[in-house]
Amino acid sequence: MDDVGAAVGRWWGQAWARMQPDAVGDVGAVVLLVLAAVAAVVLVPPVWRQARVLVTVVHELGHAVVGVLCGRRFTGLVLRGDMSGHAVTVGPARGAGRVLSTWAGYPAPAVVGALSVQAAAAGWAPPVLGVTAALLLGALVRVRSWYTAAVMVALTAVTAALWWWGPATLQAAVVLGMGVFLVVGAWRHLGAVLSRPSPGSDPAVLGQLTWLPRQMWVLSFAVVLAAATWWALGPVRALAGWV
C-alpha cells in the first residue's frame, strides 16, 4: 500500500507540474503555419466534413455544461456520422434553464475558441489541455452510441497525450490552432442553420419556448460570435507580428 501511495503521489506531482503555465516564445512562423492549416481544414470540403465533428462536440457539450449549471441533469451525448449531434439534459420542459441550455450550443465553439486563443497566447496551453482531457474523460460516461464513444475516446487520448508528452511549442500551436478553428467553425455552423432551417433546430426550439422569433435568437448567436472573433483576433495578430 505504501508503494501504491508513493506511486500515486509521484503521478500527482508530475500531473501538477504539467498543469503549470509555460511562457510562449517567438512563435510568429508557427502562427502562420497554424493559420494556413486551419484555412485548409475549413476551406477544403472533404476535410471540413470530417473535422467539423470537433465543432459539434463543443456545441453539444455547451448545451450540457450550461444545462448542468442551470440545475438540469446531463444524461446522454450522441454524435452522428453526418457530424451532427445531440446532448440530452433532463429537467423542466420550459423555463430559464431549458432556454439557456438550448441557447448555449451555437455560441459555445466561438467562446471556447476565443478562450483557447487567449490561453495559448498567455502561456496557458498546458492547463487548458489538462482540463480539456479531464472534461472529455468525464463526458465519456454519457455517450450513447459506438460512433460517439470512438470519437470521444480518440479526442481524449490525443488531448491527454499532448498534455503529458507534448513540447511547449507544440502545445501552444495546437491550442491556438484549435481555438481559431472553433471560432471559424462556429460561423460555418451558424451559416448552416441559416441556410437549412428546420423545426428541430436550436433557434426554432427557442422560438417555441419563448415569445421571441427564431430570427432574434440567430441574431443573438451572431452577436456572441462576433464578440468572440474580435477578442481572438488580438492575440493572433500579436503572435504573428502583425501589430
Protein backbone atom coordinates (compact mmCIF):
# COMPACT_ATOMS: atom_id res chain seq x y z
CA MET A 1 0.00 0.00 0.00
CA ASP A 2 2.88 2.34 0.75
CA ASP A 3 4.29 1.70 -2.74
CA VAL A 4 0.90 2.44 -4.31
CA GLY A 5 0.55 5.62 -2.30
CA ALA A 6 4.05 6.71 -3.28
CA ALA A 7 3.31 5.99 -6.95
CA VAL A 8 0.07 7.97 -6.80
CA GLY A 9 1.91 10.80 -5.08
CA ARG A 10 4.59 10.86 -7.79
CA TRP A 11 1.97 10.80 -10.55
CA TRP A 12 0.04 13.61 -8.91
CA GLY A 13 3.22 15.66 -8.60
CA GLN A 14 4.01 15.15 -12.28
CA ALA A 15 0.45 15.96 -13.27
CA TRP A 16 0.50 19.15 -11.21
CA ALA A 17 3.81 20.17 -12.79
CA ARG A 18 2.26 19.68 -16.23
CA MET A 19 -0.66 21.94 -15.28
CA GLN A 20 1.60 24.97 -14.83
CA PRO A 21 1.67 27.75 -17.46
CA ASP A 22 4.65 27.88 -19.78
CA ALA A 23 5.97 31.08 -21.35
CA VAL A 24 5.38 31.49 -25.09
CA GLY A 25 8.48 32.45 -27.07
CA ASP A 26 8.78 33.82 -30.60
CA VAL A 27 6.21 31.75 -32.48
CA GLY A 28 5.46 34.07 -35.40
CA ALA A 29 6.31 31.48 -38.05
CA VAL A 30 4.40 28.80 -36.16
CA VAL A 31 1.30 31.01 -36.04
CA LEU A 32 1.39 31.46 -39.81
CA LEU A 33 1.61 27.69 -40.27
CA VAL A 34 -1.28 27.20 -37.83
CA LEU A 35 -3.44 29.72 -39.69
CA ALA A 36 -2.63 28.08 -43.03
CA ALA A 37 -3.56 24.66 -41.63
CA VAL A 38 -6.85 25.95 -40.22
CA ALA A 39 -7.68 27.61 -43.56
CA ALA A 40 -7.01 24.33 -45.37
CA VAL A 41 -9.21 22.37 -42.98
CA VAL A 42 -12.09 24.84 -43.15
CA LEU A 43 -11.98 25.57 -46.89
CA VAL A 44 -11.42 22.07 -48.32
CA PRO A 45 -14.89 20.45 -48.28
CA PRO A 46 -13.87 16.77 -47.73
CA VAL A 47 -11.58 17.76 -44.86
CA TRP A 48 -14.17 20.08 -43.31
CA ARG A 49 -16.85 17.37 -43.44
CA GLN A 50 -14.70 15.20 -41.17
CA ALA A 51 -13.17 17.91 -38.97
CA ARG A 52 -16.42 19.68 -38.15
CA VAL A 53 -17.25 16.93 -35.66
CA LEU A 54 -14.91 18.82 -33.29
CA VAL A 55 -17.19 21.86 -33.52
CA THR A 56 -20.18 19.59 -32.93
CA VAL A 57 -18.58 18.14 -29.80
CA VAL A 58 -18.07 21.61 -28.30
CA HIS A 59 -21.57 22.65 -29.40
CA GLU A 60 -23.18 19.69 -27.65
CA LEU A 61 -21.02 19.96 -24.54
CA GLY A 62 -22.01 23.63 -24.42
CA HIS A 63 -25.63 22.51 -24.11
CA ALA A 64 -24.61 20.02 -21.43
CA VAL A 65 -22.41 22.27 -19.29
CA VAL A 66 -24.86 25.18 -19.25
CA GLY A 67 -27.69 22.75 -18.58
CA VAL A 68 -25.87 21.36 -15.54
CA LEU A 69 -25.10 24.90 -14.33
CA CYS A 70 -28.83 25.64 -14.59
CA GLY A 71 -29.76 22.62 -12.47
CA ARG A 72 -30.51 20.14 -15.26
CA ARG A 73 -29.01 16.63 -15.46
CA PHE A 74 -26.71 15.71 -18.34
CA THR A 75 -27.68 12.15 -19.25
CA GLY A 76 -26.51 11.49 -22.80
CA LEU A 77 -24.31 12.55 -25.70
CA VAL A 78 -24.83 11.36 -29.27
CA LEU A 79 -22.65 12.16 -32.31
CA ARG A 80 -23.78 11.02 -35.75
CA GLY A 81 -21.94 10.02 -38.87
CA ASP A 82 -23.15 13.16 -40.66
CA MET A 83 -21.28 15.16 -37.99
CA SER A 84 -24.46 16.34 -36.27
CA GLY A 85 -25.12 15.58 -32.61
CA HIS A 86 -27.44 15.76 -29.64
CA ALA A 87 -26.89 16.36 -25.93
CA VAL A 88 -29.61 15.11 -23.58
CA THR A 89 -30.33 17.08 -20.43
CA VAL A 90 -33.20 16.25 -18.11
CA GLY A 91 -35.22 18.89 -16.31
CA PRO A 92 -38.29 21.09 -16.68
CA ALA A 93 -39.64 21.21 -20.23
CA ARG A 94 -39.82 25.00 -20.10
CA GLY A 95 -38.26 27.81 -18.09
CA ALA A 96 -34.98 29.69 -17.97
CA GLY A 97 -32.83 26.56 -17.56
CA ARG A 98 -34.21 24.96 -20.70
CA VAL A 99 -33.87 28.19 -22.67
CA LEU A 100 -30.28 28.85 -21.57
CA SER A 101 -29.13 25.27 -22.17
CA THR A 102 -30.72 25.29 -25.63
CA TRP A 103 -29.22 28.68 -26.48
CA ALA A 104 -25.69 27.72 -25.39
CA GLY A 105 -24.91 25.36 -28.27
CA TYR A 106 -24.11 27.72 -31.14
CA PRO A 107 -22.11 30.28 -29.10
CA ALA A 108 -20.08 27.58 -27.30
CA PRO A 109 -17.47 26.84 -30.03
CA ALA A 110 -16.73 30.54 -30.58
CA VAL A 111 -16.46 31.27 -26.85
CA VAL A 112 -14.29 28.21 -26.18
CA GLY A 113 -12.22 29.03 -29.25
CA ALA A 114 -11.58 32.61 -28.19
CA LEU A 115 -10.67 31.47 -24.68
CA SER A 116 -8.25 28.91 -26.16
CA VAL A 117 -6.57 31.58 -28.29
CA GLN A 118 -6.19 33.86 -25.29
CA ALA A 119 -4.86 31.00 -23.17
CA ALA A 120 -2.32 29.91 -25.80
CA ALA A 121 -1.04 33.47 -26.17
CA ALA A 122 -0.66 33.82 -22.39
CA GLY A 123 1.24 30.53 -21.98
CA TRP A 124 -1.69 28.63 -20.51
CA ALA A 125 -1.82 25.87 -23.14
CA PRO A 126 -0.71 23.10 -20.70
CA PRO A 127 -3.54 23.63 -18.16
CA VAL A 128 -6.04 24.07 -21.00
CA LEU A 129 -5.06 20.68 -22.39
CA GLY A 130 -5.20 19.05 -18.97
CA VAL A 131 -8.63 20.43 -18.14
CA THR A 132 -9.92 19.56 -21.62
CA ALA A 133 -8.73 15.97 -21.28
CA ALA A 134 -10.49 15.70 -17.90
CA LEU A 135 -13.75 17.12 -19.30
CA LEU A 136 -13.67 14.77 -22.29
CA LEU A 137 -12.98 11.84 -19.99
CA GLY A 138 -15.94 12.82 -17.81
CA ALA A 139 -18.21 13.08 -20.85
CA LEU A 140 -17.29 9.53 -21.90
CA VAL A 141 -19.68 8.06 -19.34
CA ARG A 142 -22.60 9.78 -21.11
CA VAL A 143 -22.01 8.53 -24.66
CA ARG A 144 -24.94 6.68 -26.24
CA SER A 145 -23.51 5.18 -29.41
CA TRP A 146 -20.41 3.34 -30.59
CA TYR A 147 -19.55 6.15 -33.00
CA THR A 148 -19.79 8.70 -30.20
CA ALA A 149 -17.59 6.54 -27.99
CA ALA A 150 -14.96 6.17 -30.74
CA VAL A 151 -14.80 9.91 -31.37
CA MET A 152 -14.66 10.81 -27.68
CA VAL A 153 -12.04 8.17 -26.85
CA ALA A 154 -9.86 9.40 -29.73
CA LEU A 155 -10.19 13.04 -28.70
CA THR A 156 -9.48 12.21 -25.05
CA ALA A 157 -6.42 10.12 -25.89
CA VAL A 158 -4.91 12.68 -28.26
CA THR A 159 -5.53 15.57 -25.86
CA ALA A 160 -4.14 13.68 -22.86
CA ALA A 161 -1.05 12.54 -24.80
CA LEU A 162 -0.36 16.08 -25.99
CA TRP A 163 -0.78 17.41 -22.44
CA TRP A 164 1.50 14.77 -20.91
CA TRP A 165 4.25 14.41 -23.53
CA GLY A 166 3.93 17.35 -25.92
CA PRO A 167 6.63 20.05 -26.01
CA ALA A 168 5.55 23.54 -25.04
CA THR A 169 5.69 24.98 -28.56
CA LEU A 170 3.55 22.17 -29.96
CA GLN A 171 1.04 22.54 -27.12
CA ALA A 172 0.72 26.27 -27.74
CA ALA A 173 0.39 25.76 -31.50
CA VAL A 174 -2.32 23.11 -31.14
CA VAL A 175 -4.35 25.07 -28.59
CA LEU A 176 -4.05 28.21 -30.73
CA GLY A 177 -4.98 26.34 -33.89
CA MET A 178 -7.91 24.62 -32.26
CA GLY A 179 -9.12 27.94 -30.90
CA VAL A 180 -9.01 29.60 -34.32
CA PHE A 181 -10.66 26.54 -35.88
CA LEU A 182 -13.50 26.62 -33.36
CA VAL A 183 -14.14 30.32 -33.93
CA VAL A 184 -14.26 29.90 -37.70
CA GLY A 185 -16.20 26.64 -37.38
CA ALA A 186 -18.79 28.38 -35.22
CA TRP A 187 -19.52 30.76 -38.10
CA ARG A 188 -19.83 27.87 -40.53
CA HIS A 189 -22.26 26.08 -38.21
CA LEU A 190 -24.32 29.23 -37.90
CA GLY A 191 -24.34 29.60 -41.67
CA ALA A 192 -25.56 26.03 -41.97
CA VAL A 193 -28.56 26.60 -39.69
CA LEU A 194 -29.39 29.76 -41.64
CA SER A 195 -29.26 28.01 -44.99
CA ARG A 196 -31.16 24.91 -43.83
CA PRO A 197 -33.71 25.96 -41.18
CA SER A 198 -35.67 23.13 -39.61
CA PRO A 199 -38.34 22.84 -36.88
CA GLY A 200 -35.90 20.94 -34.70
CA SER A 201 -33.03 23.44 -34.88
CA ASP A 202 -31.96 25.33 -31.77
CA PRO A 203 -33.32 28.70 -33.00
CA ALA A 204 -36.67 27.10 -33.85
CA VAL A 205 -36.90 25.40 -30.45
CA LEU A 206 -36.03 28.67 -28.72
CA GLY A 207 -38.78 30.37 -30.71
CA GLN A 208 -41.23 27.74 -29.43
CA LEU A 209 -40.04 28.14 -25.84
CA THR A 210 -40.22 31.96 -25.78
CA TRP A 211 -42.06 34.88 -27.34
CA LEU A 212 -39.02 35.82 -29.44
CA PRO A 213 -38.92 34.63 -33.09
CA ARG A 214 -36.12 32.35 -34.27
CA GLN A 215 -34.50 35.22 -36.20
CA MET A 216 -33.84 37.07 -32.95
CA TRP A 217 -32.13 34.02 -31.49
CA VAL A 218 -29.97 33.68 -34.59
CA LEU A 219 -29.04 37.35 -34.21
CA SER A 220 -28.05 36.73 -30.58
CA PHE A 221 -25.76 33.91 -31.74
CA ALA A 222 -24.17 36.20 -34.33
CA VAL A 223 -23.53 38.92 -31.74
CA VAL A 224 -21.69 36.48 -29.46
CA LEU A 225 -19.73 35.01 -32.35
CA ALA A 226 -18.70 38.49 -33.49
CA ALA A 227 -17.54 39.44 -29.99
CA ALA A 228 -15.58 36.18 -29.62
CA THR A 229 -13.97 36.69 -33.02
CA TRP A 230 -12.89 40.23 -32.14
CA TRP A 231 -11.48 39.01 -28.80
CA ALA A 232 -9.50 36.25 -30.50
CA LEU A 233 -8.03 38.49 -33.21
CA GLY A 234 -5.83 40.49 -30.84
CA PRO A 235 -3.60 37.63 -29.65
CA VAL A 236 -3.40 36.10 -33.14
CA ARG A 237 -2.20 39.40 -34.62
CA ALA A 238 0.27 39.92 -31.77
CA LEU A 239 1.76 36.42 -32.04
CA ALA A 240 2.01 36.67 -35.82
CA GLY A 241 3.78 40.04 -35.51
CA TRP A 242 1.07 41.95 -37.35
CA VAL A 243 0.87 44.73 -34.73
